[in-house]
Amino acid sequence: LGEVMAPRSRWHAAAISGFFRLVAHVPPLRDYFLQMKFKPKPR
């Protein structure tokens, strides 16, 4: 998440924002991030 919150360069920041804009149009990926499914499950 630090790679997203604190991008190393303006190119890196643009790549991250572009990825998330793309994800918004793919429901399974959108929900993966929207519902915090990326957080490791307690296991």
ModelCIF file with pLDDT and N, C-alpha, C, O atoms, coordinates in Angstrom:
data_MODEL
#
_entry.id   MODEL 
#
_entity.id                         1 
_entity.type                       polymer 
_entity.pdbx_number_of_molecules   1 
#
_entity_poly.entity_id                      1 
_entity_poly.type                           'polypeptide(L)' 
_entity_poly.nstd_linkage                   no 
_entity_poly.nstd_monomer                   no 
_entity_poly.pdbx_seq_one_letter_code       LGEVMAPRSRWHAAAISGFFRLVAHVPPLRDYFLQMKFKPKPR 
_entity_poly.pdbx_seq_one_letter_code_can   LGEVMAPRSRWHAAAISGFFRLVAHVPPLRDYFLQMKFKPKPR 
_entity_poly.pdbx_strand_id                 A 
#
loop_
_entity_poly_seq.entity_id 
_entity_poly_seq.num 
_entity_poly_seq.mon_id 
_entity_poly_seq.hetero 
1 1  LEU n 
1 2  GLY n 
1 3  GLU n 
1 4  VAL n 
1 5  MET n 
1 6  ALA n 
1 7  PRO n 
1 8  ARG n 
1 9  SER n 
1 10 ARG n 
1 11 TRP n 
1 12 HIS n 
1 13 ALA n 
1 14 ALA n 
1 15 ALA n 
1 16 ILE n 
1 17 SER n 
1 18 GLY n 
1 19 PHE n 
1 20 PHE n 
1 21 ARG n 
1 22 LEU n 
1 23 VAL n 
1 24 ALA n 
1 25 HIS n 
1 26 VAL n 
1 27 PRO n 
1 28 PRO n 
1 29 LEU n 
1 30 ARG n 
1 31 ASP n 
1 32 TYR n 
1 33 PHE n 
1 34 LEU n 
1 35 GLN n 
1 36 MET n 
1 37 LYS n 
1 38 PHE n 
1 39 LYS n 
1 40 PRO n 
1 41 LYS n 
1 42 PRO n 
1 43 ARG n 
#
_struct_asym.id          A 
_struct_asym.entity_id   1 
#
loop_
_ma_qa_metric.id 
_ma_qa_metric.mode 
_ma_qa_metric.name 
_ma_qa_metric.software_group_id 
_ma_qa_metric.type 
1 global pLDDT . pLDDT 
2 local  pLDDT . pLDDT 
#
_ma_qa_metric_global.metric_id      1 
_ma_qa_metric_global.metric_value   63.74 
_ma_qa_metric_global.model_id       1 
_ma_qa_metric_global.ordinal_id     1 
#
loop_
_ma_qa_metric_local.label_asym_id 
_ma_qa_metric_local.label_comp_id 
_ma_qa_metric_local.label_seq_id 
_ma_qa_metric_local.metric_id 
_ma_qa_metric_local.metric_value 
_ma_qa_metric_local.model_id 
_ma_qa_metric_local.ordinal_id 
A LEU 1  2 68.00 1 1  
A GLY 2  2 67.00 1 2  
A GLU 3  2 65.00 1 3  
A VAL 4  2 66.00 1 4  
A MET 5  2 62.00 1 5  
A ALA 6  2 65.00 1 6  
A PRO 7  2 59.00 1 7  
A ARG 8  2 62.00 1 8  
A SER 9  2 65.00 1 9  
A ARG 10 2 69.00 1 10 
A TRP 11 2 68.00 1 11 
A HIS 12 2 65.00 1 12 
A ALA 13 2 62.00 1 13 
A ALA 14 2 67.00 1 14 
A ALA 15 2 69.00 1 15 
A ILE 16 2 62.00 1 16 
A SER 17 2 65.00 1 17 
A GLY 18 2 64.00 1 18 
A PHE 19 2 62.00 1 19 
A PHE 20 2 64.00 1 20 
A ARG 21 2 66.00 1 21 
A LEU 22 2 68.00 1 22 
A VAL 23 2 62.00 1 23 
A ALA 24 2 63.00 1 24 
A HIS 25 2 59.00 1 25 
A VAL 26 2 64.00 1 26 
A PRO 27 2 65.00 1 27 
A PRO 28 2 63.00 1 28 
A LEU 29 2 61.00 1 29 
A ARG 30 2 56.00 1 30 
A ASP 31 2 59.00 1 31 
A TYR 32 2 51.00 1 32 
A PHE 33 2 52.00 1 33 
A LEU 34 2 49.00 1 34 
A GLN 35 2 54.00 1 35 
A MET 36 2 52.00 1 36 
A LYS 37 2 56.00 1 37 
A PHE 38 2 59.00 1 38 
A LYS 39 2 65.00 1 39 
A PRO 40 2 69.00 1 40 
A LYS 41 2 78.00 1 41 
A PRO 42 2 85.00 1 42 
A ARG 43 2 89.00 1 43 
#
loop_
_atom_site.group_PDB 
_atom_site.id 
_atom_site.type_symbol 
_atom_site.label_atom_id 
_atom_site.label_alt_id 
_atom_site.label_comp_id 
_atom_site.label_asym_id 
_atom_site.label_entity_id 
_atom_site.label_seq_id 
_atom_site.pdbx_PDB_ins_code 
_atom_site.Cartn_x 
_atom_site.Cartn_y 
_atom_site.Cartn_z 
_atom_site.occupancy 
_atom_site.B_iso_or_equiv 
_atom_site.pdbx_formal_charge 
_atom_site.auth_seq_id 
_atom_site.auth_comp_id 
_atom_site.auth_asym_id 
_atom_site.auth_atom_id 
_atom_site.pdbx_PDB_model_num 
ATOM 1   N N  . LEU A 1 1  ? 0.824   -1.201  0.000   1.00 68.00 ? 1  LEU A N  1 
ATOM 2   C CA . LEU A 1 1  ? 0.000   0.000   0.000   1.00 68.00 ? 1  LEU A CA 1 
ATOM 3   C C  . LEU A 1 1  ? 0.862   1.256   0.000   1.00 68.00 ? 1  LEU A C  1 
ATOM 4   O O  . LEU A 1 1  ? 0.476   2.288   -0.549  1.00 68.00 ? 1  LEU A O  1 
ATOM 5   N N  . GLY A 1 2  ? 2.041   1.157   0.626   1.00 67.00 ? 2  GLY A N  1 
ATOM 6   C CA . GLY A 1 2  ? 2.953   2.288   0.599   1.00 67.00 ? 2  GLY A CA 1 
ATOM 7   C C  . GLY A 1 2  ? 3.391   2.643   -0.808  1.00 67.00 ? 2  GLY A C  1 
ATOM 8   O O  . GLY A 1 2  ? 3.650   3.810   -1.100  1.00 67.00 ? 2  GLY A O  1 
ATOM 9   N N  . GLU A 1 3  ? 3.479   1.644   -1.693  1.00 65.00 ? 3  GLU A N  1 
ATOM 10  C CA . GLU A 1 3  ? 3.813   1.909   -3.088  1.00 65.00 ? 3  GLU A CA 1 
ATOM 11  C C  . GLU A 1 3  ? 2.720   2.737   -3.767  1.00 65.00 ? 3  GLU A C  1 
ATOM 12  O O  . GLU A 1 3  ? 2.993   3.526   -4.671  1.00 65.00 ? 3  GLU A O  1 
ATOM 13  N N  . VAL A 1 4  ? 1.476   2.542   -3.315  1.00 66.00 ? 4  VAL A N  1 
ATOM 14  C CA . VAL A 1 4  ? 0.358   3.314   -3.871  1.00 66.00 ? 4  VAL A CA 1 
ATOM 15  C C  . VAL A 1 4  ? 0.298   4.698   -3.245  1.00 66.00 ? 4  VAL A C  1 
ATOM 16  O O  . VAL A 1 4  ? 0.147   5.699   -3.945  1.00 66.00 ? 4  VAL A O  1 
ATOM 17  N N  . MET A 1 5  ? 0.417   4.748   -1.927  1.00 62.00 ? 5  MET A N  1 
ATOM 18  C CA . MET A 1 5  ? 0.260   6.018   -1.221  1.00 62.00 ? 5  MET A CA 1 
ATOM 19  C C  . MET A 1 5  ? 1.441   6.958   -1.442  1.00 62.00 ? 5  MET A C  1 
ATOM 20  O O  . MET A 1 5  ? 1.268   8.177   -1.466  1.00 62.00 ? 5  MET A O  1 
ATOM 21  N N  . ALA A 1 6  ? 2.620   6.407   -1.601  1.00 65.00 ? 6  ALA A N  1 
ATOM 22  C CA . ALA A 1 6  ? 3.821   7.233   -1.743  1.00 65.00 ? 6  ALA A CA 1 
ATOM 23  C C  . ALA A 1 6  ? 4.589   6.808   -2.985  1.00 65.00 ? 6  ALA A C  1 
ATOM 24  O O  . ALA A 1 6  ? 5.645   6.185   -2.869  1.00 65.00 ? 6  ALA A O  1 
ATOM 25  N N  . PRO A 1 7  ? 4.082   7.132   -4.172  1.00 59.00 ? 7  PRO A N  1 
ATOM 26  C CA . PRO A 1 7  ? 4.754   6.718   -5.416  1.00 59.00 ? 7  PRO A CA 1 
ATOM 27  C C  . PRO A 1 7  ? 6.152   7.318   -5.512  1.00 59.00 ? 7  PRO A C  1 
ATOM 28  O O  . PRO A 1 7  ? 6.410   8.422   -5.034  1.00 59.00 ? 7  PRO A O  1 
ATOM 29  N N  . ARG A 1 8  ? 7.052   6.555   -6.148  1.00 62.00 ? 8  ARG A N  1 
ATOM 30  C CA . ARG A 1 8  ? 8.460   6.952   -6.213  1.00 62.00 ? 8  ARG A CA 1 
ATOM 31  C C  . ARG A 1 8  ? 8.711   8.066   -7.229  1.00 62.00 ? 8  ARG A C  1 
ATOM 32  O O  . ARG A 1 8  ? 9.704   8.787   -7.125  1.00 62.00 ? 8  ARG A O  1 
ATOM 33  N N  . SER A 1 9  ? 7.820   8.211   -8.207  1.00 65.00 ? 9  SER A N  1 
ATOM 34  C CA . SER A 1 9  ? 8.008   9.225   -9.241  1.00 65.00 ? 9  SER A CA 1 
ATOM 35  C C  . SER A 1 9  ? 6.646   9.600   -9.812  1.00 65.00 ? 9  SER A C  1 
ATOM 36  O O  . SER A 1 9  ? 5.642   8.947   -9.528  1.00 65.00 ? 9  SER A O  1 
ATOM 37  N N  . ARG A 1 10 ? 6.621   10.659  -10.620 1.00 69.00 ? 10 ARG A N  1 
ATOM 38  C CA . ARG A 1 10 ? 5.356   11.066  -11.245 1.00 69.00 ? 10 ARG A CA 1 
ATOM 39  C C  . ARG A 1 10 ? 4.889   10.015  -12.257 1.00 69.00 ? 10 ARG A C  1 
ATOM 40  O O  . ARG A 1 10 ? 3.689   9.813   -12.441 1.00 69.00 ? 10 ARG A O  1 
ATOM 41  N N  . TRP A 1 11 ? 5.844   9.351   -12.908 1.00 68.00 ? 11 TRP A N  1 
ATOM 42  C CA . TRP A 1 11 ? 5.467   8.271   -13.826 1.00 68.00 ? 11 TRP A CA 1 
ATOM 43  C C  . TRP A 1 11 ? 4.809   7.131   -13.050 1.00 68.00 ? 11 TRP A C  1 
ATOM 44  O O  . TRP A 1 11 ? 3.803   6.570   -13.483 1.00 68.00 ? 11 TRP A O  1 
ATOM 45  N N  . HIS A 1 12 ? 5.395   6.797   -11.894 1.00 65.00 ? 12 HIS A N  1 
ATOM 46  C CA . HIS A 1 12 ? 4.838   5.736   -11.043 1.00 65.00 ? 12 HIS A CA 1 
ATOM 47  C C  . HIS A 1 12 ? 3.438   6.125   -10.582 1.00 65.00 ? 12 HIS A C  1 
ATOM 48  O O  . HIS A 1 12 ? 2.536   5.287   -10.579 1.00 65.00 ? 12 HIS A O  1 
ATOM 49  N N  . ALA A 1 13 ? 3.244   7.391   -10.189 1.00 62.00 ? 13 ALA A N  1 
ATOM 50  C CA . ALA A 1 13 ? 1.929   7.859   -9.745  1.00 62.00 ? 13 ALA A CA 1 
ATOM 51  C C  . ALA A 1 13 ? 0.904   7.766   -10.870 1.00 62.00 ? 13 ALA A C  1 
ATOM 52  O O  . ALA A 1 13 ? -0.236  7.362   -10.641 1.00 62.00 ? 13 ALA A O  1 
ATOM 53  N N  . ALA A 1 14 ? 1.305   8.138   -12.084 1.00 67.00 ? 14 ALA A N  1 
ATOM 54  C CA . ALA A 1 14 ? 0.387   8.069   -13.219 1.00 67.00 ? 14 ALA A CA 1 
ATOM 55  C C  . ALA A 1 14 ? 0.010   6.632   -13.536 1.00 67.00 ? 14 ALA A C  1 
ATOM 56  O O  . ALA A 1 14 ? -1.134  6.352   -13.894 1.00 67.00 ? 14 ALA A O  1 
ATOM 57  N N  . ALA A 1 15 ? 0.966   5.718   -13.408 1.00 69.00 ? 15 ALA A N  1 
ATOM 58  C CA . ALA A 1 15 ? 0.677   4.306   -13.673 1.00 69.00 ? 15 ALA A CA 1 
ATOM 59  C C  . ALA A 1 15 ? -0.318  3.753   -12.655 1.00 69.00 ? 15 ALA A C  1 
ATOM 60  O O  . ALA A 1 15 ? -1.207  2.978   -13.006 1.00 69.00 ? 15 ALA A O  1 
ATOM 61  N N  . ILE A 1 16 ? -0.167  4.150   -11.410 1.00 62.00 ? 16 ILE A N  1 
ATOM 62  C CA . ILE A 1 16 ? -1.073  3.665   -10.361 1.00 62.00 ? 16 ILE A CA 1 
ATOM 63  C C  . ILE A 1 16 ? -2.489  4.181   -10.594 1.00 62.00 ? 16 ILE A C  1 
ATOM 64  O O  . ILE A 1 16 ? -3.447  3.410   -10.542 1.00 62.00 ? 16 ILE A O  1 
ATOM 65  N N  . SER A 1 17 ? -2.628  5.483   -10.851 1.00 65.00 ? 17 SER A N  1 
ATOM 66  C CA . SER A 1 17 ? -3.967  6.046   -11.057 1.00 65.00 ? 17 SER A CA 1 
ATOM 67  C C  . SER A 1 17 ? -4.610  5.456   -12.314 1.00 65.00 ? 17 SER A C  1 
ATOM 68  O O  . SER A 1 17 ? -5.821  5.237   -12.344 1.00 65.00 ? 17 SER A O  1 
ATOM 69  N N  . GLY A 1 18 ? -3.813  5.199   -13.344 1.00 64.00 ? 18 GLY A N  1 
ATOM 70  C CA . GLY A 1 18 ? -4.348  4.583   -14.558 1.00 64.00 ? 18 GLY A CA 1 
ATOM 71  C C  . GLY A 1 18 ? -4.842  3.176   -14.301 1.00 64.00 ? 18 GLY A C  1 
ATOM 72  O O  . GLY A 1 18 ? -5.881  2.769   -14.823 1.00 64.00 ? 18 GLY A O  1 
ATOM 73  N N  . PHE A 1 19 ? -4.101  2.433   -13.499 1.00 62.00 ? 19 PHE A N  1 
ATOM 74  C CA . PHE A 1 19 ? -4.521  1.071   -13.152 1.00 62.00 ? 19 PHE A CA 1 
ATOM 75  C C  . PHE A 1 19 ? -5.857  1.087   -12.428 1.00 62.00 ? 19 PHE A C  1 
ATOM 76  O O  . PHE A 1 19 ? -6.743  0.294   -12.749 1.00 62.00 ? 19 PHE A O  1 
ATOM 77  N N  . PHE A 1 20 ? -6.015  1.982   -11.452 1.00 64.00 ? 20 PHE A N  1 
ATOM 78  C CA . PHE A 1 20 ? -7.265  2.016   -10.692 1.00 64.00 ? 20 PHE A CA 1 
ATOM 79  C C  . PHE A 1 20 ? -8.439  2.483   -11.548 1.00 64.00 ? 20 PHE A C  1 
ATOM 80  O O  . PHE A 1 20 ? -9.568  2.039   -11.341 1.00 64.00 ? 20 PHE A O  1 
ATOM 81  N N  . ARG A 1 21 ? -8.189  3.361   -12.494 1.00 66.00 ? 21 ARG A N  1 
ATOM 82  C CA . ARG A 1 21 ? -9.280  3.771   -13.390 1.00 66.00 ? 21 ARG A CA 1 
ATOM 83  C C  . ARG A 1 21 ? -9.727  2.588   -14.245 1.00 66.00 ? 21 ARG A C  1 
ATOM 84  O O  . ARG A 1 21 ? -10.917 2.436   -14.523 1.00 66.00 ? 21 ARG A O  1 
ATOM 85  N N  . LEU A 1 22 ? -8.786  1.760   -14.659 1.00 68.00 ? 22 LEU A N  1 
ATOM 86  C CA . LEU A 1 22 ? -9.122  0.565   -15.423 1.00 68.00 ? 22 LEU A CA 1 
ATOM 87  C C  . LEU A 1 22 ? -9.900  -0.428  -14.566 1.00 68.00 ? 22 LEU A C  1 
ATOM 88  O O  . LEU A 1 22 ? -10.883 -1.014  -15.019 1.00 68.00 ? 22 LEU A O  1 
ATOM 89  N N  . VAL A 1 23 ? -9.458  -0.609  -13.339 1.00 62.00 ? 23 VAL A N  1 
ATOM 90  C CA . VAL A 1 23 ? -10.101 -1.554  -12.417 1.00 62.00 ? 23 VAL A CA 1 
ATOM 91  C C  . VAL A 1 23 ? -11.564 -1.196  -12.206 1.00 62.00 ? 23 VAL A C  1 
ATOM 92  O O  . VAL A 1 23 ? -12.398 -2.087  -12.042 1.00 62.00 ? 23 VAL A O  1 
ATOM 93  N N  . ALA A 1 24 ? -11.886 0.074   -12.207 1.00 63.00 ? 24 ALA A N  1 
ATOM 94  C CA . ALA A 1 24 ? -13.266 0.509   -11.964 1.00 63.00 ? 24 ALA A CA 1 
ATOM 95  C C  . ALA A 1 24 ? -14.239 -0.052  -12.986 1.00 63.00 ? 24 ALA A C  1 
ATOM 96  O O  . ALA A 1 24 ? -15.443 -0.093  -12.732 1.00 63.00 ? 24 ALA A O  1 
ATOM 97  N N  . HIS A 1 25 ? -13.736 -0.488  -14.145 1.00 59.00 ? 25 HIS A N  1 
ATOM 98  C CA . HIS A 1 25 ? -14.606 -1.017  -15.195 1.00 59.00 ? 25 HIS A CA 1 
ATOM 99  C C  . HIS A 1 25 ? -14.616 -2.544  -15.233 1.00 59.00 ? 25 HIS A C  1 
ATOM 100 O O  . HIS A 1 25 ? -15.229 -3.143  -16.116 1.00 59.00 ? 25 HIS A O  1 
ATOM 101 N N  . VAL A 1 26 ? -13.940 -3.165  -14.280 1.00 64.00 ? 26 VAL A N  1 
ATOM 102 C CA . VAL A 1 26 ? -13.902 -4.630  -14.209 1.00 64.00 ? 26 VAL A CA 1 
ATOM 103 C C  . VAL A 1 26 ? -14.485 -5.044  -12.866 1.00 64.00 ? 26 VAL A C  1 
ATOM 104 O O  . VAL A 1 26 ? -13.767 -5.051  -11.866 1.00 64.00 ? 26 VAL A O  1 
ATOM 105 N N  . PRO A 1 27 ? -15.778 -5.390  -12.816 1.00 65.00 ? 27 PRO A N  1 
ATOM 106 C CA . PRO A 1 27 ? -16.460 -5.626  -11.529 1.00 65.00 ? 27 PRO A CA 1 
ATOM 107 C C  . PRO A 1 27 ? -15.729 -6.543  -10.560 1.00 65.00 ? 27 PRO A C  1 
ATOM 108 O O  . PRO A 1 27 ? -15.627 -6.185  -9.387  1.00 65.00 ? 27 PRO A O  1 
ATOM 109 N N  . PRO A 1 28 ? -15.210 -7.709  -10.969 1.00 63.00 ? 28 PRO A N  1 
ATOM 110 C CA . PRO A 1 28 ? -14.523 -8.548  -9.979  1.00 63.00 ? 28 PRO A CA 1 
ATOM 111 C C  . PRO A 1 28 ? -13.314 -7.858  -9.344  1.00 63.00 ? 28 PRO A C  1 
ATOM 112 O O  . PRO A 1 28 ? -13.106 -7.940  -8.133  1.00 63.00 ? 28 PRO A O  1 
ATOM 113 N N  . LEU A 1 29 ? -12.514 -7.173  -10.184 1.00 61.00 ? 29 LEU A N  1 
ATOM 114 C CA . LEU A 1 29 ? -11.367 -6.452  -9.638  1.00 61.00 ? 29 LEU A CA 1 
ATOM 115 C C  . LEU A 1 29 ? -11.809 -5.261  -8.802  1.00 61.00 ? 29 LEU A C  1 
ATOM 116 O O  . LEU A 1 29 ? -11.243 -4.983  -7.745  1.00 61.00 ? 29 LEU A O  1 
ATOM 117 N N  . ARG A 1 30 ? -12.836 -4.557  -9.291  1.00 56.00 ? 30 ARG A N  1 
ATOM 118 C CA . ARG A 1 30 ? -13.355 -3.410  -8.528  1.00 56.00 ? 30 ARG A CA 1 
ATOM 119 C C  . ARG A 1 30 ? -13.781 -3.844  -7.135  1.00 56.00 ? 30 ARG A C  1 
ATOM 120 O O  . ARG A 1 30 ? -13.438 -3.189  -6.151  1.00 56.00 ? 30 ARG A O  1 
ATOM 121 N N  . ASP A 1 31 ? -14.531 -4.949  -7.041  1.00 59.00 ? 31 ASP A N  1 
ATOM 122 C CA . ASP A 1 31 ? -14.999 -5.408  -5.740  1.00 59.00 ? 31 ASP A CA 1 
ATOM 123 C C  . ASP A 1 31 ? -13.858 -5.929  -4.883  1.00 59.00 ? 31 ASP A C  1 
ATOM 124 O O  . ASP A 1 31 ? -13.915 -5.839  -3.657  1.00 59.00 ? 31 ASP A O  1 
ATOM 125 N N  . TYR A 1 32 ? -12.830 -6.468  -5.506  1.00 51.00 ? 32 TYR A N  1 
ATOM 126 C CA . TYR A 1 32 ? -11.667 -6.946  -4.764  1.00 51.00 ? 32 TYR A CA 1 
ATOM 127 C C  . TYR A 1 32 ? -11.058 -5.805  -3.946  1.00 51.00 ? 32 TYR A C  1 
ATOM 128 O O  . TYR A 1 32 ? -10.696 -5.985  -2.783  1.00 51.00 ? 32 TYR A O  1 
ATOM 129 N N  . PHE A 1 33 ? -10.951 -4.638  -4.569  1.00 52.00 ? 33 PHE A N  1 
ATOM 130 C CA . PHE A 1 33 ? -10.402 -3.487  -3.858  1.00 52.00 ? 33 PHE A CA 1 
ATOM 131 C C  . PHE A 1 33 ? -11.461 -2.791  -3.008  1.00 52.00 ? 33 PHE A C  1 
ATOM 132 O O  . PHE A 1 33 ? -11.180 -2.372  -1.885  1.00 52.00 ? 33 PHE A O  1 
ATOM 133 N N  . LEU A 1 34 ? -12.668 -2.669  -3.536  1.00 49.00 ? 34 LEU A N  1 
ATOM 134 C CA . LEU A 1 34 ? -13.712 -1.939  -2.827  1.00 49.00 ? 34 LEU A CA 1 
ATOM 135 C C  . LEU A 1 34 ? -14.026 -2.581  -1.487  1.00 49.00 ? 34 LEU A C  1 
ATOM 136 O O  . LEU A 1 34 ? -14.235 -1.880  -0.496  1.00 49.00 ? 34 LEU A O  1 
ATOM 137 N N  . GLN A 1 35 ? -14.060 -3.915  -1.447  1.00 54.00 ? 35 GLN A N  1 
ATOM 138 C CA . GLN A 1 35 ? -14.418 -4.627  -0.224  1.00 54.00 ? 35 GLN A CA 1 
ATOM 139 C C  . GLN A 1 35 ? -13.197 -5.069  0.595   1.00 54.00 ? 35 GLN A C  1 
ATOM 140 O O  . GLN A 1 35 ? -13.329 -5.878  1.513   1.00 54.00 ? 35 GLN A O  1 
ATOM 141 N N  . MET A 1 36 ? -12.035 -4.551  0.270   1.00 52.00 ? 36 MET A N  1 
ATOM 142 C CA . MET A 1 36 ? -10.810 -4.849  1.011   1.00 52.00 ? 36 MET A CA 1 
ATOM 143 C C  . MET A 1 36 ? -10.491 -6.339  1.025   1.00 52.00 ? 36 MET A C  1 
ATOM 144 O O  . MET A 1 36 ? -9.983  -6.860  2.018   1.00 52.00 ? 36 MET A O  1 
ATOM 145 N N  . LYS A 1 37 ? -10.788 -7.017  -0.070  1.00 56.00 ? 37 LYS A N  1 
ATOM 146 C CA . LYS A 1 37 ? -10.453 -8.436  -0.129  1.00 56.00 ? 37 LYS A CA 1 
ATOM 147 C C  . LYS A 1 37 ? -8.952  -8.666  -0.243  1.00 56.00 ? 37 LYS A C  1 
ATOM 148 O O  . LYS A 1 37 ? -8.483  -9.796  -0.104  1.00 56.00 ? 37 LYS A O  1 
ATOM 149 N N  . PHE A 1 38 ? -8.203  -7.605  -0.494  1.00 59.00 ? 38 PHE A N  1 
ATOM 150 C CA . PHE A 1 38 ? -6.746  -7.716  -0.579  1.00 59.00 ? 38 PHE A CA 1 
ATOM 151 C C  . PHE A 1 38 ? -6.116  -7.862  0.806   1.00 59.00 ? 38 PHE A C  1 
ATOM 152 O O  . PHE A 1 38 ? -4.955  -8.259  0.914   1.00 59.00 ? 38 PHE A O  1 
ATOM 153 N N  . LYS A 1 39 ? -6.862  -7.550  1.864   1.00 65.00 ? 39 LYS A N  1 
ATOM 154 C CA . LYS A 1 39 ? -6.328  -7.697  3.215   1.00 65.00 ? 39 LYS A CA 1 
ATOM 155 C C  . LYS A 1 39 ? -6.208  -9.189  3.537   1.00 65.00 ? 39 LYS A C  1 
ATOM 156 O O  . LYS A 1 39 ? -7.192  -9.917  3.408   1.00 65.00 ? 39 LYS A O  1 
ATOM 157 N N  . PRO A 1 40 ? -5.020  -9.664  3.955   1.00 69.00 ? 40 PRO A N  1 
ATOM 158 C CA . PRO A 1 40 ? -4.869  -11.092 4.264   1.00 69.00 ? 40 PRO A CA 1 
ATOM 159 C C  . PRO A 1 40 ? -5.895  -11.556 5.287   1.00 69.00 ? 40 PRO A C  1 
ATOM 160 O O  . PRO A 1 40 ? -6.051  -10.944 6.344   1.00 69.00 ? 40 PRO A O  1 
ATOM 161 N N  . LYS A 1 41 ? -6.591  -12.636 4.969   1.00 78.00 ? 41 LYS A N  1 
ATOM 162 C CA . LYS A 1 41 ? -7.594  -13.170 5.873   1.00 78.00 ? 41 LYS A CA 1 
ATOM 163 C C  . LYS A 1 41 ? -6.912  -13.740 7.111   1.00 78.00 ? 41 LYS A C  1 
ATOM 164 O O  . LYS A 1 41 ? -5.818  -14.297 7.026   1.00 78.00 ? 41 LYS A O  1 
ATOM 165 N N  . PRO A 1 42 ? -7.565  -13.598 8.261   1.00 85.00 ? 42 PRO A N  1 
ATOM 166 C CA . PRO A 1 42 ? -7.003  -14.238 9.461   1.00 85.00 ? 42 PRO A CA 1 
ATOM 167 C C  . PRO A 1 42 ? -7.035  -15.752 9.296   1.00 85.00 ? 42 PRO A C  1 
ATOM 168 O O  . PRO A 1 42 ? -8.104  -16.363 9.292   1.00 85.00 ? 42 PRO A O  1 
ATOM 169 N N  . ARG A 1 43 ? -5.852  -16.353 9.159   1.00 89.00 ? 43 ARG A N  1 
ATOM 170 C CA . ARG A 1 43 ? -5.776  -17.787 8.887   1.00 89.00 ? 43 ARG A CA 1 
ATOM 171 C C  . ARG A 1 43 ? -4.481  -18.346 9.469   1.00 89.00 ? 43 ARG A C  1 
ATOM 172 O O  . ARG A 1 43 ? -4.218  -19.543 9.351   1.00 89.00 ? 43 ARG A O  1 
#
